[in-house]
């Protein structure tokens, strides 16, 4: 692998990580709103706060990333 390709690969990975980190609070807030709306419709869905949805979003991102790595091979 040439140095230019390796540099481009690192740059692309860094940009993807930056976008994921920048959009994390917005995605967690949106998930919190969706869960809140479902909680309003039925009592079977528990009400959860922003911190819980933030951790849930991080966990879901980890699971999706792991699944992509496993299925990509």
PDB file of N, CA and C in Angstrom:
ATOM      1  N   UNK A   1       0.846  -1.170   0.000  1.00  0.00           N
ATOM      2  CA  UNK A   1       0.000   0.000   0.000  1.00  0.00           C
ATOM      3  C   UNK A   1       0.893   1.235   0.000  1.00  0.00           C
ATOM      4  N   UNK A   2       0.625   2.159  -0.876  1.00  0.00           N
ATOM      5  CA  UNK A   2       1.466   3.343  -0.964  1.00  0.00           C
ATOM      6  C   UNK A   2       1.155   4.303   0.181  1.00  0.00           C
ATOM      7  N   UNK A   3       2.076   5.200   0.407  1.00  0.00           N
ATOM      8  CA  UNK A   3       1.925   6.167   1.488  1.00  0.00           C
ATOM      9  C   UNK A   3       0.729   7.077   1.244  1.00  0.00           C
ATOM     10  N   UNK A   4       0.481   7.432  -0.009  1.00  0.00           N
ATOM     11  CA  UNK A   4      -0.652   8.306  -0.330  1.00  0.00           C
ATOM     12  C   UNK A   4      -1.974   7.594  -0.058  1.00  0.00           C
ATOM     13  N   UNK A   5      -2.066   6.336  -0.427  1.00  0.00           N
ATOM     14  CA  UNK A   5      -3.300   5.578  -0.186  1.00  0.00           C
ATOM     15  C   UNK A   5      -3.516   5.380   1.308  1.00  0.00           C
ATOM     16  N   UNK A   6      -2.435   5.093   2.024  1.00  0.00           N
ATOM     17  CA  UNK A   6      -2.545   4.900   3.465  1.00  0.00           C
ATOM     18  C   UNK A   6      -2.974   6.207   4.135  1.00  0.00           C
ATOM     19  N   UNK A   7      -2.422   7.309   3.688  1.00  0.00           N
ATOM     20  CA  UNK A   7      -2.783   8.610   4.231  1.00  0.00           C
ATOM     21  C   UNK A   7      -4.246   8.932   3.940  1.00  0.00           C
ATOM     22  N   UNK A   8      -4.703   8.621   2.731  1.00  0.00           N
ATOM     23  CA  UNK A   8      -6.098   8.857   2.369  1.00  0.00           C
ATOM     24  C   UNK A   8      -7.022   7.983   3.194  1.00  0.00           C
ATOM     25  N   UNK A   9      -6.607   6.753   3.441  1.00  0.00           N
ATOM     26  CA  UNK A   9      -7.406   5.836   4.249  1.00  0.00           C
ATOM     27  C   UNK A   9      -7.525   6.328   5.685  1.00  0.00           C
ATOM     28  N   UNK A  10      -6.429   6.806   6.242  1.00  0.00           N
ATOM     29  CA  UNK A  10      -6.442   7.339   7.609  1.00  0.00           C
ATOM     30  C   UNK A  10      -7.297   8.602   7.658  1.00  0.00           C
ATOM     31  N   UNK A  11      -7.202   9.442   6.648  1.00  0.00           N
ATOM     32  CA  UNK A  11      -8.002  10.667   6.606  1.00  0.00           C
ATOM     33  C   UNK A  11      -9.493  10.348   6.527  1.00  0.00           C
ATOM     34  N   UNK A  12      -9.846   9.364   5.716  1.00  0.00           N
ATOM     35  CA  UNK A  12     -11.248   8.978   5.588  1.00  0.00           C
ATOM     36  C   UNK A  12     -11.781   8.394   6.896  1.00  0.00           C
ATOM     37  N   UNK A  13     -10.976   7.584   7.552  1.00  0.00           N
ATOM     38  CA  UNK A  13     -11.388   7.008   8.840  1.00  0.00           C
ATOM     39  C   UNK A  13     -11.528   8.102   9.893  1.00  0.00           C
ATOM     40  N   UNK A  14     -10.623   9.057   9.890  1.00  0.00           N
ATOM     41  CA  UNK A  14     -10.692  10.163  10.844  1.00  0.00           C
ATOM     42  C   UNK A  14     -11.932  11.019  10.605  1.00  0.00           C
ATOM     43  N   UNK A  15     -12.246  11.263   9.345  1.00  0.00           N
ATOM     44  CA  UNK A  15     -13.438  12.045   9.016  1.00  0.00           C
ATOM     45  C   UNK A  15     -14.708  11.307   9.425  1.00  0.00           C
ATOM     46  N   UNK A  16     -14.752  10.008   9.205  1.00  0.00           N
ATOM     47  CA  UNK A  16     -15.917   9.222   9.590  1.00  0.00           C
ATOM     48  C   UNK A  16     -16.102   9.229  11.105  1.00  0.00           C
ATOM     49  N   UNK A  17     -15.008   9.110  11.842  1.00  0.00           N
ATOM     50  CA  UNK A  17     -15.078   9.154  13.303  1.00  0.00           C
ATOM     51  C   UNK A  17     -15.541  10.522  13.781  1.00  0.00           C
ATOM     52  N   UNK A  18     -15.037  11.576  13.173  1.00  0.00           N
ATOM     53  CA  UNK A  18     -15.431  12.928  13.560  1.00  0.00           C
ATOM     54  C   UNK A  18     -16.920  13.161  13.320  1.00  0.00           C
ATOM     55  N   UNK A  19     -17.421  12.707  12.184  1.00  0.00           N
ATOM     56  CA  UNK A  19     -18.849  12.858  11.879  1.00  0.00           C
ATOM     57  C   UNK A  19     -19.694  12.070  12.871  1.00  0.00           C
ATOM     58  N   UNK A  20     -19.257  10.863  13.199  1.00  0.00           N
ATOM     59  CA  UNK A  20     -20.000  10.040  14.160  1.00  0.00           C
ATOM     60  C   UNK A  20     -20.043  10.710  15.531  1.00  0.00           C
ATOM     61  N   UNK A  21     -18.936  11.282  15.963  1.00  0.00           N
ATOM     62  CA  UNK A  21     -18.902  11.943  17.265  1.00  0.00           C
ATOM     63  C   UNK A  21     -19.693  13.247  17.278  1.00  0.00           C
ATOM     64  N   UNK A  22     -19.652  13.978  16.177  1.00  0.00           N
ATOM     65  CA  UNK A  22     -20.376  15.248  16.106  1.00  0.00           C
ATOM     66  C   UNK A  22     -21.884  15.007  16.088  1.00  0.00           C
ATOM     67  N   UNK A  23     -22.329  13.979  15.394  1.00  0.00           N
ATOM     68  CA  UNK A  23     -23.766  13.727  15.280  1.00  0.00           C
ATOM     69  C   UNK A  23     -24.327  12.880  16.418  1.00  0.00           C
ATOM     70  N   UNK A  24     -23.479  12.362  17.295  1.00  0.00           N
ATOM     71  CA  UNK A  24     -23.934  11.505  18.392  1.00  0.00           C
ATOM     72  C   UNK A  24     -24.980  12.177  19.285  1.00  0.00           C
ATOM     73  N   UNK A  25     -24.778  13.399  19.758  1.00  0.00           N
ATOM     74  CA  UNK A  25     -25.809  14.013  20.609  1.00  0.00           C
ATOM     75  C   UNK A  25     -27.146  14.195  19.891  1.00  0.00           C
ATOM     76  N   UNK A  26     -27.111  14.571  18.632  1.00  0.00           N
ATOM     77  CA  UNK A  26     -28.359  14.765  17.881  1.00  0.00           C
ATOM     78  C   UNK A  26     -29.082  13.437  17.664  1.00  0.00           C
ATOM     79  N   UNK A  27     -28.334  12.377  17.367  1.00  0.00           N
ATOM     80  CA  UNK A  27     -28.964  11.075  17.174  1.00  0.00           C
ATOM     81  C   UNK A  27     -29.553  10.551  18.477  1.00  0.00           C
ATOM     82  N   UNK A  28     -28.864  10.788  19.600  1.00  0.00           N
ATOM     83  CA  UNK A  28     -29.383  10.358  20.902  1.00  0.00           C
ATOM     84  C   UNK A  28     -30.639  11.151  21.263  1.00  0.00           C
ATOM     85  N   UNK A  29     -30.644  12.439  20.986  1.00  0.00           N
ATOM     86  CA  UNK A  29     -31.814  13.273  21.268  1.00  0.00           C
ATOM     87  C   UNK A  29     -33.000  12.820  20.435  1.00  0.00           C
ATOM     88  N   UNK A  30     -32.767  12.519  19.169  1.00  0.00           N
ATOM     89  CA  UNK A  30     -33.841  12.050  18.299  1.00  0.00           C
ATOM     90  C   UNK A  30     -34.393  10.706  18.782  1.00  0.00           C
ATOM     91  N   UNK A  31     -33.512   9.802  19.197  1.00  0.00           N
ATOM     92  CA  UNK A  31     -33.958   8.517  19.732  1.00  0.00           C
ATOM     93  C   UNK A  31     -34.776   8.725  21.005  1.00  0.00           C
ATOM     94  N   UNK A  32     -34.358   9.675  21.842  1.00  0.00           N
ATOM     95  CA  UNK A  32     -35.108   9.971  23.059  1.00  0.00           C
ATOM     96  C   UNK A  32     -36.513  10.474  22.712  1.00  0.00           C
ATOM     97  N   UNK A  33     -36.631  11.305  21.693  1.00  0.00           N
ATOM     98  CA  UNK A  33     -37.952  11.790  21.276  1.00  0.00           C
ATOM     99  C   UNK A  33     -38.827  10.658  20.751  1.00  0.00           C
ATOM    100  N   UNK A  34     -38.243   9.757  19.984  1.00  0.00           N
ATOM    101  CA  UNK A  34     -39.005   8.625  19.444  1.00  0.00           C
ATOM    102  C   UNK A  34     -39.487   7.720  20.575  1.00  0.00           C
ATOM    103  N   UNK A  35     -38.598   7.407  21.504  1.00  0.00           N
ATOM    104  CA  UNK A  35     -38.987   6.557  22.636  1.00  0.00           C
ATOM    105  C   UNK A  35     -40.034   7.267  23.490  1.00  0.00           C
ATOM    106  N   UNK A  36     -39.905   8.572  23.661  1.00  0.00           N
ATOM    107  CA  UNK A  36     -40.907   9.343  24.409  1.00  0.00           C
ATOM    108  C   UNK A  36     -42.258   9.320  23.736  1.00  0.00           C
ATOM    109  N   UNK A  37     -42.268   9.414  22.404  1.00  0.00           N
ATOM    110  CA  UNK A  37     -43.534   9.342  21.672  1.00  0.00           C
ATOM    111  C   UNK A  37     -44.168   7.964  21.817  1.00  0.00           C
ATOM    112  N   UNK A  38     -43.350   6.922  21.739  1.00  0.00           N
ATOM    113  CA  UNK A  38     -43.877   5.568  21.929  1.00  0.00           C
ATOM    114  C   UNK A  38     -44.384   5.380  23.356  1.00  0.00           C
ATOM    115  N   UNK A  39     -43.708   5.996  24.328  1.00  0.00           N
ATOM    116  CA  UNK A  39     -44.147   5.925  25.716  1.00  0.00           C
ATOM    117  C   UNK A  39     -45.498   6.621  25.883  1.00  0.00           C
ATOM    118  N   UNK A  40     -45.693   7.688  25.147  1.00  0.00           N
ATOM    119  CA  UNK A  40     -46.979   8.393  25.200  1.00  0.00           C
ATOM    120  C   UNK A  40     -48.107   7.575  24.603  1.00  0.00           C
ATOM    121  N   UNK A  41     -47.795   6.716  23.646  1.00  0.00           N
ATOM    122  CA  UNK A  41     -48.825   5.884  23.011  1.00  0.00           C
ATOM    123  C   UNK A  41     -49.190   4.673  23.847  1.00  0.00           C
ATOM    124  N   UNK A  42     -48.206   4.077  24.485  1.00  0.00           N
ATOM    125  CA  UNK A  42     -48.448   2.866  25.255  1.00  0.00           C
ATOM    126  C   UNK A  42     -47.557   2.843  26.488  1.00  0.00           C
ATOM    127  N   UNK A  43     -48.080   2.331  27.557  1.00  0.00           N
ATOM    128  CA  UNK A  43     -47.315   2.269  28.806  1.00  0.00           C
ATOM    129  C   UNK A  43     -46.293   1.136  28.794  1.00  0.00           C
ATOM    130  N   UNK A  44     -46.360   0.268  27.789  1.00  0.00           N
ATOM    131  CA  UNK A  44     -45.425  -0.856  27.717  1.00  0.00           C
ATOM    132  C   UNK A  44     -44.000  -0.396  27.405  1.00  0.00           C
ATOM    133  N   UNK A  45     -43.855   0.793  26.827  1.00  0.00           N
ATOM    134  CA  UNK A  45     -42.530   1.334  26.505  1.00  0.00           C
ATOM    135  C   UNK A  45     -42.106   2.241  27.653  1.00  0.00           C
ATOM    136  N   UNK A  46     -40.988   1.951  28.304  1.00  0.00           N
ATOM    137  CA  UNK A  46     -40.577   2.788  29.443  1.00  0.00           C
ATOM    138  C   UNK A  46     -40.062   4.151  28.989  1.00  0.00           C
ATOM    139  N   UNK A  47     -40.227   5.137  29.843  1.00  0.00           N
ATOM    140  CA  UNK A  47     -39.678   6.471  29.573  1.00  0.00           C
ATOM    141  C   UNK A  47     -38.208   6.455  29.970  1.00  0.00           C
ATOM    142  N   UNK A  48     -37.329   6.897  29.075  1.00  0.00           N
ATOM    143  CA  UNK A  48     -35.901   6.948  29.380  1.00  0.00           C
ATOM    144  C   UNK A  48     -35.388   8.350  29.098  1.00  0.00           C
ATOM    145  N   UNK A  49     -34.345   8.725  29.788  1.00  0.00           N
ATOM    146  CA  UNK A  49     -33.789  10.066  29.663  1.00  0.00           C
ATOM    147  C   UNK A  49     -32.700  10.157  28.612  1.00  0.00           C
ATOM    148  N   UNK A  50     -32.129  11.361  28.531  1.00  0.00           N
ATOM    149  CA  UNK A  50     -31.111  11.632  27.515  1.00  0.00           C
ATOM    150  C   UNK A  50     -29.841  10.818  27.740  1.00  0.00           C
ATOM    151  N   UNK A  51     -29.407  10.688  28.972  1.00  0.00           N
ATOM    152  CA  UNK A  51     -28.187   9.929  29.263  1.00  0.00           C
ATOM    153  C   UNK A  51     -28.316   8.475  28.852  1.00  0.00           C
ATOM    154  N   UNK A  52     -29.472   7.901  29.126  1.00  0.00           N
ATOM    155  CA  UNK A  52     -29.709   6.511  28.746  1.00  0.00           C
ATOM    156  C   UNK A  52     -29.726   6.359  27.232  1.00  0.00           C
ATOM    157  N   UNK A  53     -30.364   7.285  26.532  1.00  0.00           N
ATOM    158  CA  UNK A  53     -30.388   7.180  25.072  1.00  0.00           C
ATOM    159  C   UNK A  53     -29.008   7.427  24.479  1.00  0.00           C
ATOM    160  N   UNK A  54     -28.210   8.266  25.129  1.00  0.00           N
ATOM    161  CA  UNK A  54     -26.845   8.491  24.658  1.00  0.00           C
ATOM    162  C   UNK A  54     -26.043   7.196  24.751  1.00  0.00           C
ATOM    163  N   UNK A  55     -26.127   6.511  25.890  1.00  0.00           N
ATOM    164  CA  UNK A  55     -25.431   5.239  26.049  1.00  0.00           C
ATOM    165  C   UNK A  55     -25.997   4.177  25.117  1.00  0.00           C
ATOM    166  N   UNK A  56     -27.293   4.174  24.915  1.00  0.00           N
ATOM    167  CA  UNK A  56     -27.924   3.229  23.995  1.00  0.00           C
ATOM    168  C   UNK A  56     -27.444   3.459  22.566  1.00  0.00           C
ATOM    169  N   UNK A  57     -27.318   4.723  22.178  1.00  0.00           N
ATOM    170  CA  UNK A  57     -26.837   5.050  20.835  1.00  0.00           C
ATOM    171  C   UNK A  57     -25.394   4.596  20.648  1.00  0.00           C
ATOM    172  N   UNK A  58     -24.559   4.812  21.659  1.00  0.00           N
ATOM    173  CA  UNK A  58     -23.168   4.353  21.583  1.00  0.00           C
ATOM    174  C   UNK A  58     -23.121   2.833  21.457  1.00  0.00           C
ATOM    175  N   UNK A  59     -23.938   2.145  22.242  1.00  0.00           N
ATOM    176  CA  UNK A  59     -23.997   0.685  22.173  1.00  0.00           C
ATOM    177  C   UNK A  59     -24.477   0.182  20.823  1.00  0.00           C
ATOM    178  N   UNK A  60     -25.503   0.832  20.282  1.00  0.00           N
ATOM    179  CA  UNK A  60     -26.009   0.424  18.968  1.00  0.00           C
ATOM    180  C   UNK A  60     -24.969   0.654  17.878  1.00  0.00           C
ATOM    181  N   UNK A  61     -24.240   1.771  17.966  1.00  0.00           N
ATOM    182  CA  UNK A  61     -23.168   2.032  17.004  1.00  0.00           C
ATOM    183  C   UNK A  61     -22.093   0.945  17.080  1.00  0.00           C
ATOM    184  N   UNK A  62     -21.764   0.516  18.294  1.00  0.00           N
ATOM    185  CA  UNK A  62     -20.770  -0.544  18.478  1.00  0.00           C
ATOM    186  C   UNK A  62     -21.255  -1.855  17.871  1.00  0.00           C
ATOM    187  N   UNK A  63     -22.515  -2.203  18.122  1.00  0.00           N
ATOM    188  CA  UNK A  63     -23.065  -3.450  17.589  1.00  0.00           C
ATOM    189  C   UNK A  63     -23.099  -3.418  16.062  1.00  0.00           C
ATOM    190  N   UNK A  64     -23.528  -2.307  15.489  1.00  0.00           N
ATOM    191  CA  UNK A  64     -23.574  -2.189  14.030  1.00  0.00           C
ATOM    192  C   UNK A  64     -22.170  -2.262  13.435  1.00  0.00           C
ATOM    193  N   UNK A  65     -21.208  -1.584  14.049  1.00  0.00           N
ATOM    194  CA  UNK A  65     -19.826  -1.632  13.562  1.00  0.00           C
ATOM    195  C   UNK A  65     -19.239  -3.027  13.636  1.00  0.00           C
ATOM    196  N   UNK A  66     -19.528  -3.728  14.726  1.00  0.00           N
ATOM    197  CA  UNK A  66     -19.030  -5.106  14.864  1.00  0.00           C
ATOM    198  C   UNK A  66     -19.677  -6.016  13.841  1.00  0.00           C
ATOM    199  N   UNK A  67     -20.970  -5.879  13.640  1.00  0.00           N
ATOM    200  CA  UNK A  67     -21.665  -6.702  12.649  1.00  0.00           C
ATOM    201  C   UNK A  67     -21.127  -6.447  11.240  1.00  0.00           C
ATOM    202  N   UNK A  68     -20.854  -5.180  10.932  1.00  0.00           N
ATOM    203  CA  UNK A  68     -20.294  -4.854   9.611  1.00  0.00           C
ATOM    204  C   UNK A  68     -18.930  -5.513   9.422  1.00  0.00           C
ATOM    205  N   UNK A  69     -18.096  -5.465  10.476  1.00  0.00           N
ATOM    206  CA  UNK A  69     -16.771  -6.079  10.383  1.00  0.00           C
ATOM    207  C   UNK A  69     -16.859  -7.578  10.214  1.00  0.00           C
ATOM    208  N   UNK A  70     -17.767  -8.211  10.930  1.00  0.00           N
ATOM    209  CA  UNK A  70     -17.920  -9.665  10.841  1.00  0.00           C
ATOM    210  C   UNK A  70     -18.473 -10.063   9.476  1.00  0.00           C
ATOM    211  N   UNK A  71     -19.470  -9.358   8.998  1.00  0.00           N
ATOM    212  CA  UNK A  71     -20.101  -9.697   7.721  1.00  0.00           C
ATOM    213  C   UNK A  71     -19.267  -9.295   6.522  1.00  0.00           C
ATOM    214  N   UNK A  72     -18.350  -8.368   6.716  1.00  0.00           N
ATOM    215  CA  UNK A  72     -17.509  -7.891   5.599  1.00  0.00           C
ATOM    216  C   UNK A  72     -16.440  -8.918   5.238  1.00  0.00           C
ATOM    217  N   UNK A  73     -16.060  -9.755   6.174  1.00  0.00           N
ATOM    218  CA  UNK A  73     -14.998 -10.730   5.934  1.00  0.00           C
ATOM    219  C   UNK A  73     -15.436 -11.838   5.027  1.00  0.00           C
TER     220      UNK A  73
END
